[in-house]
Amino acid sequence: MNKLNVTLVKSTSGRVPTHRRTVRALGLRRVGHTVVHNATDPIKGMVKQVSYLLKVVEFDEVK
C-alpha cells in the first residue's frame, strides 16, 4: 500500500478553524513536524483541504 509522508511547512495561526482542526487531526503539531499515513481516500481528502500548508511525498511501502 502507498504511504504519504506529510510535513507541516506553514503555521496554522490565523487560518480557518476547520483547517486548523484538520491539520491537528492529521497528527501535525508544529511547523516542521512530519507524520506518515496510509494513502486512503479520507486522508487524501484531508491533505487536499490543507495542501497549501503542507509538503506531501507519496512512496511505496517496502516490506
N, C-alpha and C. Protein backbone atom coordinates (compact mmCIF):
# COMPACT_ATOMS: atom_id res chain seq x y z
N MET A 1 0.84 -1.19 0.00
CA MET A 1 0.00 0.00 0.00
C MET A 1 0.88 1.24 0.00
N ASN A 2 0.44 2.25 -0.69
CA ASN A 2 1.18 3.52 -0.73
C ASN A 2 1.07 4.24 0.60
N LYS A 3 2.09 5.01 0.90
CA LYS A 3 2.13 5.81 2.12
C LYS A 3 2.32 7.26 1.74
N LEU A 4 1.90 8.16 2.63
CA LEU A 4 2.10 9.59 2.45
C LEU A 4 2.97 10.11 3.57
N ASN A 5 4.03 10.81 3.22
CA ASN A 5 4.88 11.49 4.17
C ASN A 5 4.43 12.94 4.18
N VAL A 6 3.79 13.38 5.27
CA VAL A 6 3.15 14.70 5.34
C VAL A 6 3.91 15.57 6.32
N THR A 7 4.35 16.75 5.86
CA THR A 7 5.10 17.69 6.69
C THR A 7 4.39 19.03 6.71
N LEU A 8 4.24 19.60 7.90
CA LEU A 8 3.65 20.93 8.04
C LEU A 8 4.74 21.97 7.76
N VAL A 9 4.55 22.80 6.73
CA VAL A 9 5.57 23.78 6.36
C VAL A 9 5.15 25.22 6.63
N LYS A 10 3.86 25.45 6.89
CA LYS A 10 3.38 26.79 7.23
C LYS A 10 2.57 26.72 8.51
N SER A 11 2.57 27.79 9.26
CA SER A 11 1.86 27.85 10.53
C SER A 11 0.35 27.87 10.33
N THR A 12 -0.38 27.38 11.32
CA THR A 12 -1.83 27.41 11.27
C THR A 12 -2.40 28.67 11.93
N SER A 13 -1.55 29.53 12.41
CA SER A 13 -2.01 30.78 13.03
C SER A 13 -2.77 31.63 12.03
N GLY A 14 -3.95 32.06 12.41
CA GLY A 14 -4.75 32.93 11.55
C GLY A 14 -5.47 32.21 10.44
N ARG A 15 -5.46 30.88 10.44
CA ARG A 15 -6.14 30.11 9.38
C ARG A 15 -7.58 29.82 9.79
N VAL A 16 -8.34 29.32 8.85
CA VAL A 16 -9.73 28.95 9.08
C VAL A 16 -9.75 27.86 10.17
N PRO A 17 -10.64 27.97 11.16
CA PRO A 17 -10.67 26.98 12.24
C PRO A 17 -10.82 25.53 11.78
N THR A 18 -11.59 25.29 10.72
CA THR A 18 -11.72 23.91 10.24
C THR A 18 -10.40 23.39 9.69
N HIS A 19 -9.62 24.25 9.08
CA HIS A 19 -8.32 23.85 8.56
C HIS A 19 -7.36 23.56 9.70
N ARG A 20 -7.44 24.35 10.76
CA ARG A 20 -6.60 24.12 11.93
C ARG A 20 -6.92 22.75 12.54
N ARG A 21 -8.20 22.42 12.62
CA ARG A 21 -8.60 21.13 13.17
C ARG A 21 -8.18 19.97 12.27
N THR A 22 -8.22 20.18 10.96
CA THR A 22 -7.80 19.15 10.01
C THR A 22 -6.31 18.86 10.17
N VAL A 23 -5.50 19.91 10.29
CA VAL A 23 -4.05 19.73 10.48
C VAL A 23 -3.81 18.95 11.77
N ARG A 24 -4.52 19.30 12.82
CA ARG A 24 -4.38 18.62 14.11
C ARG A 24 -4.81 17.15 13.99
N ALA A 25 -5.89 16.89 13.24
CA ALA A 25 -6.39 15.52 13.06
C ALA A 25 -5.40 14.67 12.27
N LEU A 26 -4.61 15.30 11.42
CA LEU A 26 -3.56 14.58 10.70
C LEU A 26 -2.39 14.22 11.61
N GLY A 27 -2.38 14.78 12.81
CA GLY A 27 -1.32 14.46 13.76
C GLY A 27 -0.16 15.44 13.73
N LEU A 28 -0.33 16.56 13.04
CA LEU A 28 0.74 17.55 12.92
C LEU A 28 0.60 18.58 14.03
N ARG A 29 1.69 18.83 14.74
CA ARG A 29 1.64 19.69 15.92
C ARG A 29 2.34 21.03 15.73
N ARG A 30 3.41 21.04 14.95
CA ARG A 30 4.20 22.27 14.81
C ARG A 30 4.83 22.31 13.42
N VAL A 31 5.30 23.46 13.02
CA VAL A 31 5.96 23.61 11.72
C VAL A 31 7.20 22.72 11.71
N GLY A 32 7.35 21.96 10.64
CA GLY A 32 8.48 21.06 10.50
C GLY A 32 8.19 19.64 10.97
N HIS A 33 7.05 19.42 11.61
CA HIS A 33 6.67 18.10 12.10
C HIS A 33 6.21 17.24 10.92
N THR A 34 6.66 15.98 10.89
CA THR A 34 6.33 15.07 9.80
C THR A 34 5.65 13.83 10.35
N VAL A 35 4.62 13.36 9.66
CA VAL A 35 3.94 12.12 10.01
C VAL A 35 3.78 11.28 8.75
N VAL A 36 3.59 9.97 8.94
CA VAL A 36 3.37 9.05 7.82
C VAL A 36 1.98 8.46 7.96
N HIS A 37 1.20 8.50 6.86
CA HIS A 37 -0.15 7.95 6.84
C HIS A 37 -0.29 7.01 5.65
N ASN A 38 -1.21 6.06 5.76
CA ASN A 38 -1.59 5.26 4.60
C ASN A 38 -2.33 6.17 3.63
N ALA A 39 -2.17 5.92 2.34
CA ALA A 39 -2.79 6.78 1.32
C ALA A 39 -4.23 6.34 1.07
N THR A 40 -5.10 6.53 2.06
CA THR A 40 -6.52 6.20 1.92
C THR A 40 -7.27 7.43 1.43
N ASP A 41 -8.48 7.23 0.95
CA ASP A 41 -9.28 8.34 0.45
C ASP A 41 -9.56 9.41 1.50
N PRO A 42 -9.93 9.05 2.74
CA PRO A 42 -10.16 10.10 3.74
C PRO A 42 -8.91 10.94 4.04
N ILE A 43 -7.77 10.29 4.12
CA ILE A 43 -6.52 11.01 4.39
C ILE A 43 -6.17 11.91 3.21
N LYS A 44 -6.34 11.41 2.00
CA LYS A 44 -6.06 12.23 0.81
C LYS A 44 -6.96 13.46 0.76
N GLY A 45 -8.22 13.29 1.16
CA GLY A 45 -9.14 14.43 1.19
C GLY A 45 -8.72 15.47 2.21
N MET A 46 -8.27 15.01 3.38
CA MET A 46 -7.80 15.93 4.41
C MET A 46 -6.56 16.69 3.93
N VAL A 47 -5.64 15.95 3.29
CA VAL A 47 -4.42 16.57 2.78
C VAL A 47 -4.75 17.60 1.69
N LYS A 48 -5.70 17.27 0.83
CA LYS A 48 -6.09 18.20 -0.24
C LYS A 48 -6.68 19.49 0.33
N GLN A 49 -7.47 19.37 1.41
CA GLN A 49 -8.10 20.54 2.00
C GLN A 49 -7.07 21.55 2.51
N VAL A 50 -5.99 21.07 3.09
CA VAL A 50 -4.99 21.97 3.69
C VAL A 50 -3.64 21.87 2.96
N SER A 51 -3.68 21.55 1.68
CA SER A 51 -2.45 21.34 0.91
C SER A 51 -1.55 22.59 0.86
N TYR A 52 -2.14 23.76 1.02
CA TYR A 52 -1.36 25.00 0.99
C TYR A 52 -0.49 25.16 2.25
N LEU A 53 -0.69 24.31 3.23
CA LEU A 53 0.10 24.35 4.46
C LEU A 53 1.11 23.21 4.54
N LEU A 54 1.03 22.26 3.60
CA LEU A 54 1.77 21.01 3.72
C LEU A 54 2.75 20.76 2.59
N LYS A 55 3.69 19.88 2.87
CA LYS A 55 4.55 19.27 1.84
C LYS A 55 4.25 17.78 1.92
N VAL A 56 3.87 17.18 0.79
CA VAL A 56 3.45 15.78 0.78
C VAL A 56 4.31 15.00 -0.21
N VAL A 57 4.82 13.85 0.25
CA VAL A 57 5.58 12.94 -0.61
C VAL A 57 4.93 11.57 -0.52
N GLU A 58 4.57 11.01 -1.68
CA GLU A 58 3.96 9.68 -1.71
C GLU A 58 5.04 8.66 -2.06
N PHE A 59 5.02 7.53 -1.34
CA PHE A 59 6.01 6.48 -1.60
C PHE A 59 5.38 5.11 -1.36
N ASP A 60 6.03 4.07 -1.92
CA ASP A 60 5.56 2.70 -1.73
C ASP A 60 6.17 2.13 -0.47
N GLU A 61 5.37 1.39 0.27
CA GLU A 61 5.85 0.73 1.48
C GLU A 61 6.77 -0.42 1.10
N VAL A 62 7.92 -0.48 1.72
CA VAL A 62 8.89 -1.54 1.45
C VAL A 62 8.72 -2.60 2.54
N LYS A 63 8.54 -3.85 2.10
CA LYS A 63 8.37 -4.94 3.07
C LYS A 63 9.59 -5.80 3.13
